[in-house]
Amino acid sequence: TPAEVAASNELRETVMALISHEDDTLAAGIFNALHVGTARTLESVGLQQLRTRKSRVWLRALIAQGIALGTEDWLAALAGDNNTRLEALRGLYKDVLPEVLTAVTALLGDPSEYVRIEASKTLARIVGPDSVASLLPLLQDENEPVRTAVRELLAQMREEQEQRTFWARVGDVELTPASATA
């Protein structure tokens, strides 16, 4: 617990040495195994590890511990290796800052087809129909899986928009999650 770590200088030094270890798998694994309160007190160390190492295991450990990631943290993850970029793209949520969206949009030109596909999905999920202009060039991508994924995303967005328009014309139908559930 945070109290136990605070009470023992030796324990605190040991934990710090372990989560600062050069082996990301070991360090992030130890961080992930910490008591949630202890991890929160050492949050700045974990975030610094993510920013410098750009490691998928650090990204996972921080998210698992409920540590909020800021713009700098997401940008570091999006600048990591393919696996880290994929993990970050899957973990992004709607309320991200424009700098992060710019980095995601830039990944549409990534050398890895998997990153391009995941960046497309992320933009479609976060930005919605406003992402169409960014996605259209991928219909001419050199890889068929990318073209197929983008066609499917665009078709889903079109279908969703058509359904919204249809139900809006029906009349007194409220377009909220609560009314849809009812």
C-alpha atoms as a PDB file:
ATOM      1  CA  THR A   1       0.000   0.000   0.000  1.00  0.00           C
ATOM      2  CA  PRO A   2       1.143   3.622  -0.280  1.00  0.00           C
ATOM      3  CA  ALA A   3       1.537   3.780   3.503  1.00  0.00           C
ATOM      4  CA  GLU A   4       3.839   0.746   3.547  1.00  0.00           C
ATOM      5  CA  VAL A   5       5.987   2.137   0.744  1.00  0.00           C
ATOM      6  CA  ALA A   6       6.148   5.553   2.437  1.00  0.00           C
ATOM      7  CA  ALA A   7       7.101   3.955   5.778  1.00  0.00           C
ATOM      8  CA  SER A   8      10.063   1.993   4.430  1.00  0.00           C
ATOM      9  CA  ASN A   9      12.826   3.787   2.607  1.00  0.00           C
ATOM     10  CA  GLU A  10      14.317   0.441   1.557  1.00  0.00           C
ATOM     11  CA  LEU A  11      11.000  -0.756   0.101  1.00  0.00           C
ATOM     12  CA  ARG A  12      10.495   2.541  -1.758  1.00  0.00           C
ATOM     13  CA  GLU A  13      14.019   2.351  -3.242  1.00  0.00           C
ATOM     14  CA  THR A  14      13.460  -1.275  -4.299  1.00  0.00           C
ATOM     15  CA  VAL A  15      10.146  -0.461  -5.980  1.00  0.00           C
ATOM     16  CA  MET A  16      11.689   2.572  -7.707  1.00  0.00           C
ATOM     17  CA  ALA A  17      14.633   0.479  -8.923  1.00  0.00           C
ATOM     18  CA  LEU A  18      12.291  -2.183 -10.285  1.00  0.00           C
ATOM     19  CA  ILE A  19       9.949   0.183 -12.144  1.00  0.00           C
ATOM     20  CA  SER A  20      12.943   2.081 -13.504  1.00  0.00           C
ATOM     21  CA  HIS A  21      14.612  -1.106 -14.769  1.00  0.00           C
ATOM     22  CA  GLU A  22      15.788  -1.085 -18.383  1.00  0.00           C
ATOM     23  CA  ASP A  23      13.729  -4.208 -19.169  1.00  0.00           C
ATOM     24  CA  ASP A  24      10.336  -2.709 -20.052  1.00  0.00           C
ATOM     25  CA  THR A  25       8.490  -5.980 -19.578  1.00  0.00           C
ATOM     26  CA  LEU A  26       9.839  -6.388 -16.054  1.00  0.00           C
ATOM     27  CA  ALA A  27       9.448  -2.736 -15.068  1.00  0.00           C
ATOM     28  CA  ALA A  28       5.928  -2.317 -16.452  1.00  0.00           C
ATOM     29  CA  GLY A  29       4.918  -5.706 -15.039  1.00  0.00           C
ATOM     30  CA  ILE A  30       6.010  -4.635 -11.563  1.00  0.00           C
ATOM     31  CA  PHE A  31       4.201  -1.311 -11.967  1.00  0.00           C
ATOM     32  CA  ASN A  32       1.055  -3.122 -13.070  1.00  0.00           C
ATOM     33  CA  ALA A  33       1.265  -5.458 -10.052  1.00  0.00           C
ATOM     34  CA  LEU A  34       1.493  -2.603  -7.545  1.00  0.00           C
ATOM     35  CA  HIS A  35      -1.382  -1.699  -5.266  1.00  0.00           C
ATOM     36  CA  VAL A  36      -3.519   0.849  -7.168  1.00  0.00           C
ATOM     37  CA  GLY A  37      -2.823   3.544  -4.596  1.00  0.00           C
ATOM     38  CA  THR A  38       0.914   2.919  -4.774  1.00  0.00           C
ATOM     39  CA  ALA A  39       0.852   3.037  -8.568  1.00  0.00           C
ATOM     40  CA  ARG A  40      -0.961   6.360  -8.405  1.00  0.00           C
ATOM     41  CA  THR A  41       1.708   7.797  -6.095  1.00  0.00           C
ATOM     42  CA  LEU A  42       4.347   6.662  -8.610  1.00  0.00           C
ATOM     43  CA  GLU A  43       2.329   7.790 -11.634  1.00  0.00           C
ATOM     44  CA  SER A  44       4.920  10.361 -12.737  1.00  0.00           C
ATOM     45  CA  VAL A  45       7.592   7.644 -12.945  1.00  0.00           C
ATOM     46  CA  GLY A  46       5.326   5.417 -15.036  1.00  0.00           C
ATOM     47  CA  LEU A  47       4.371   8.253 -17.355  1.00  0.00           C
ATOM     48  CA  GLN A  48       8.026   9.191 -17.794  1.00  0.00           C
ATOM     49  CA  GLN A  49       8.820   5.584 -18.688  1.00  0.00           C
ATOM     50  CA  LEU A  50       6.107   5.649 -21.370  1.00  0.00           C
ATOM     51  CA  ARG A  51       7.337   8.963 -22.747  1.00  0.00           C
ATOM     52  CA  THR A  52      10.960   7.858 -23.000  1.00  0.00           C
ATOM     53  CA  ARG A  53      10.510   4.182 -23.883  1.00  0.00           C
ATOM     54  CA  LYS A  54       7.359   4.478 -26.028  1.00  0.00           C
ATOM     55  CA  SER A  55       6.588   0.929 -25.002  1.00  0.00           C
ATOM     56  CA  ARG A  56       3.351  -1.010 -25.402  1.00  0.00           C
ATOM     57  CA  VAL A  57       3.813  -2.744 -22.052  1.00  0.00           C
ATOM     58  CA  TRP A  58       4.100   0.615 -20.292  1.00  0.00           C
ATOM     59  CA  LEU A  59       1.009   1.886 -22.093  1.00  0.00           C
ATOM     60  CA  ARG A  60      -0.928  -1.195 -20.974  1.00  0.00           C
ATOM     61  CA  ALA A  61       0.338  -0.973 -17.386  1.00  0.00           C
ATOM     62  CA  LEU A  62      -0.638   2.683 -17.053  1.00  0.00           C
ATOM     63  CA  ILE A  63      -4.089   2.086 -18.501  1.00  0.00           C
ATOM     64  CA  ALA A  64      -4.581  -1.001 -16.306  1.00  0.00           C
ATOM     65  CA  GLN A  65      -3.751   1.065 -13.224  1.00  0.00           C
ATOM     66  CA  GLY A  66      -6.252   3.742 -14.257  1.00  0.00           C
ATOM     67  CA  ILE A  67      -3.598   6.409 -14.826  1.00  0.00           C
ATOM     68  CA  ALA A  68      -4.945   9.225 -16.998  1.00  0.00           C
ATOM     69  CA  LEU A  69      -2.829   9.817 -20.077  1.00  0.00           C
ATOM     70  CA  GLY A  70      -2.291  13.334 -21.342  1.00  0.00           C
ATOM     71  CA  THR A  71      -1.529  14.602 -24.816  1.00  0.00           C
ATOM     72  CA  GLU A  72       2.228  14.120 -24.394  1.00  0.00           C
ATOM     73  CA  ASP A  73       1.668  10.512 -23.307  1.00  0.00           C
ATOM     74  CA  TRP A  74      -0.609   9.635 -26.239  1.00  0.00           C
ATOM     75  CA  LEU A  75       1.813  11.296 -28.664  1.00  0.00           C
ATOM     76  CA  ALA A  76       4.685   9.249 -27.216  1.00  0.00           C
ATOM     77  CA  ALA A  77       2.690   6.024 -27.603  1.00  0.00           C
ATOM     78  CA  LEU A  78       1.714   6.943 -31.172  1.00  0.00           C
ATOM     79  CA  ALA A  79       5.415   7.471 -31.925  1.00  0.00           C
ATOM     80  CA  GLY A  80       6.401   4.030 -30.615  1.00  0.00           C
ATOM     81  CA  ASP A  81       6.881   0.813 -32.535  1.00  0.00           C
ATOM     82  CA  ASN A  82       4.054  -0.790 -34.534  1.00  0.00           C
ATOM     83  CA  ASN A  83       2.661  -2.693 -31.551  1.00  0.00           C
ATOM     84  CA  THR A  84       2.670   0.396 -29.348  1.00  0.00           C
ATOM     85  CA  ARG A  85       1.003   2.496 -32.051  1.00  0.00           C
ATOM     86  CA  LEU A  86      -1.675  -0.172 -32.561  1.00  0.00           C
ATOM     87  CA  GLU A  87      -2.335  -0.379 -28.810  1.00  0.00           C
ATOM     88  CA  ALA A  88      -2.553   3.406 -28.538  1.00  0.00           C
ATOM     89  CA  LEU A  89      -4.907   3.690 -31.504  1.00  0.00           C
ATOM     90  CA  ARG A  90      -7.231   1.098 -29.960  1.00  0.00           C
ATOM     91  CA  GLY A  91      -7.171   2.878 -26.607  1.00  0.00           C
ATOM     92  CA  LEU A  92      -7.892   6.414 -27.760  1.00  0.00           C
ATOM     93  CA  TYR A  93     -11.220   7.906 -26.757  1.00  0.00           C
ATOM     94  CA  LYS A  94     -13.400  10.603 -28.276  1.00  0.00           C
ATOM     95  CA  ASP A  95     -12.255  13.593 -26.238  1.00  0.00           C
ATOM     96  CA  VAL A  96      -8.668  13.851 -27.419  1.00  0.00           C
ATOM     97  CA  LEU A  97      -6.933  17.086 -28.259  1.00  0.00           C
ATOM     98  CA  PRO A  98      -6.316  18.183 -31.866  1.00  0.00           C
ATOM     99  CA  GLU A  99      -2.584  17.390 -31.580  1.00  0.00           C
ATOM    100  CA  VAL A 100      -3.416  13.738 -30.984  1.00  0.00           C
ATOM    101  CA  LEU A 101      -5.889  13.673 -33.892  1.00  0.00           C
ATOM    102  CA  THR A 102      -3.204  15.193 -36.100  1.00  0.00           C
ATOM    103  CA  ALA A 103      -0.830  12.384 -35.090  1.00  0.00           C
ATOM    104  CA  VAL A 104      -3.529   9.769 -35.797  1.00  0.00           C
ATOM    105  CA  THR A 105      -4.218  11.314 -39.208  1.00  0.00           C
ATOM    106  CA  ALA A 106      -0.486  11.225 -39.976  1.00  0.00           C
ATOM    107  CA  LEU A 107      -0.519   7.477 -39.269  1.00  0.00           C
ATOM    108  CA  LEU A 108      -2.804   6.994 -42.287  1.00  0.00           C
ATOM    109  CA  GLY A 109       0.452   7.172 -44.247  1.00  0.00           C
ATOM    110  CA  ASP A 110       2.368   4.766 -41.986  1.00  0.00           C
ATOM    111  CA  PRO A 111       4.453   2.077 -43.730  1.00  0.00           C
ATOM    112  CA  SER A 112       2.584  -0.655 -41.844  1.00  0.00           C
ATOM    113  CA  GLU A 113      -0.755  -1.611 -43.366  1.00  0.00           C
ATOM    114  CA  TYR A 114      -1.969  -2.684 -39.916  1.00  0.00           C
ATOM    115  CA  VAL A 115      -1.263   0.753 -38.483  1.00  0.00           C
ATOM    116  CA  ARG A 116      -3.020   2.412 -41.457  1.00  0.00           C
ATOM    117  CA  ILE A 117      -6.084   0.213 -40.940  1.00  0.00           C
ATOM    118  CA  GLU A 118      -6.198   0.867 -37.179  1.00  0.00           C
ATOM    119  CA  ALA A 119      -5.665   4.616 -37.706  1.00  0.00           C
ATOM    120  CA  SER A 120      -8.609   4.569 -40.137  1.00  0.00           C
ATOM    121  CA  LYS A 121     -10.811   2.819 -37.599  1.00  0.00           C
ATOM    122  CA  THR A 122      -9.747   5.227 -34.875  1.00  0.00           C
ATOM    123  CA  LEU A 123     -10.518   8.292 -36.971  1.00  0.00           C
ATOM    124  CA  ALA A 124     -13.895   6.887 -37.982  1.00  0.00           C
ATOM    125  CA  ARG A 125     -14.692   6.096 -34.339  1.00  0.00           C
ATOM    126  CA  ILE A 126     -13.528   9.403 -32.894  1.00  0.00           C
ATOM    127  CA  VAL A 127     -14.266  11.912 -35.645  1.00  0.00           C
ATOM    128  CA  GLY A 128     -17.099  10.125 -37.436  1.00  0.00           C
ATOM    129  CA  PRO A 129     -18.296  11.509 -40.773  1.00  0.00           C
ATOM    130  CA  ASP A 130     -15.818  14.384 -40.561  1.00  0.00           C
ATOM    131  CA  SER A 131     -13.049  11.823 -41.143  1.00  0.00           C
ATOM    132  CA  VAL A 132     -14.274  10.931 -44.643  1.00  0.00           C
ATOM    133  CA  ALA A 133     -11.973  13.414 -46.402  1.00  0.00           C
ATOM    134  CA  SER A 134      -8.951  11.918 -44.645  1.00  0.00           C
ATOM    135  CA  LEU A 135     -10.038   8.344 -45.377  1.00  0.00           C
ATOM    136  CA  LEU A 136     -10.860   8.708 -49.085  1.00  0.00           C
ATOM    137  CA  PRO A 137      -7.212   8.619 -50.300  1.00  0.00           C
ATOM    138  CA  LEU A 138      -6.866   5.186 -48.666  1.00  0.00           C
ATOM    139  CA  LEU A 139      -9.324   3.795 -51.201  1.00  0.00           C
ATOM    140  CA  GLN A 140      -6.315   3.955 -53.556  1.00  0.00           C
ATOM    141  CA  ASP A 141      -3.905   2.309 -51.079  1.00  0.00           C
ATOM    142  CA  GLU A 142      -1.418  -0.213 -52.433  1.00  0.00           C
ATOM    143  CA  ASN A 143      -2.680  -2.926 -50.059  1.00  0.00           C
ATOM    144  CA  GLU A 144      -6.057  -4.571 -50.616  1.00  0.00           C
ATOM    145  CA  PRO A 145      -6.734  -5.112 -46.867  1.00  0.00           C
ATOM    146  CA  VAL A 146      -6.430  -1.349 -46.298  1.00  0.00           C
ATOM    147  CA  ARG A 147      -8.760  -0.554 -49.196  1.00  0.00           C
ATOM    148  CA  THR A 148     -11.275  -3.145 -47.971  1.00  0.00           C
ATOM    149  CA  ALA A 149     -11.199  -1.875 -44.376  1.00  0.00           C
ATOM    150  CA  VAL A 150     -11.710   1.739 -45.486  1.00  0.00           C
ATOM    151  CA  ARG A 151     -14.562   0.778 -47.841  1.00  0.00           C
ATOM    152  CA  GLU A 152     -16.267  -1.003 -44.932  1.00  0.00           C
ATOM    153  CA  LEU A 153     -15.758   1.987 -42.610  1.00  0.00           C
ATOM    154  CA  LEU A 154     -17.175   4.390 -45.166  1.00  0.00           C
ATOM    155  CA  ALA A 155     -20.146   2.092 -45.802  1.00  0.00           C
ATOM    156  CA  GLN A 156     -20.845   1.878 -42.052  1.00  0.00           C
ATOM    157  CA  MET A 157     -20.723   5.648 -41.711  1.00  0.00           C
ATOM    158  CA  ARG A 158     -23.021   6.079 -44.711  1.00  0.00           C
ATOM    159  CA  GLU A 159     -25.500   3.542 -43.333  1.00  0.00           C
ATOM    160  CA  GLU A 160     -25.500   5.196 -39.929  1.00  0.00           C
ATOM    161  CA  GLN A 161     -26.086   8.605 -41.495  1.00  0.00           C
ATOM    162  CA  GLU A 162     -28.911   7.247 -43.663  1.00  0.00           C
ATOM    163  CA  GLN A 163     -30.553   5.674 -40.599  1.00  0.00           C
ATOM    164  CA  ARG A 164     -30.329   8.937 -38.648  1.00  0.00           C
ATOM    165  CA  THR A 165     -31.855  10.821 -41.563  1.00  0.00           C
ATOM    166  CA  PHE A 166     -34.634   8.242 -41.971  1.00  0.00           C
ATOM    167  CA  TRP A 167     -35.612   8.256 -38.306  1.00  0.00           C
ATOM    168  CA  ALA A 168     -35.431  12.038 -38.141  1.00  0.00           C
ATOM    169  CA  ARG A 169     -37.981  12.200 -40.998  1.00  0.00           C
ATOM    170  CA  VAL A 170     -40.323   9.720 -39.319  1.00  0.00           C
ATOM    171  CA  GLY A 171     -41.416  12.419 -36.946  1.00  0.00           C
ATOM    172  CA  ASP A 172     -41.700  12.504 -33.227  1.00  0.00           C
ATOM    173  CA  VAL A 173     -38.962   9.962 -32.659  1.00  0.00           C
ATOM    174  CA  GLU A 174     -36.356  11.148 -30.235  1.00  0.00           C
ATOM    175  CA  LEU A 175     -32.798  10.254 -31.364  1.00  0.00           C
ATOM    176  CA  THR A 176     -31.251   9.597 -27.961  1.00  0.00           C
ATOM    177  CA  PRO A 177     -29.817   6.408 -26.469  1.00  0.00           C
ATOM    178  CA  ALA A 178     -32.577   6.407 -23.823  1.00  0.00           C
ATOM    179  CA  SER A 179     -35.402   6.547 -26.385  1.00  0.00           C
ATOM    180  CA  ALA A 180     -33.724   3.899 -28.532  1.00  0.00           C
ATOM    181  CA  THR A 181     -33.536   1.623 -25.511  1.00  0.00           C
ATOM    182  CA  ALA A 182     -37.183   2.251 -24.688  1.00  0.00           C
END
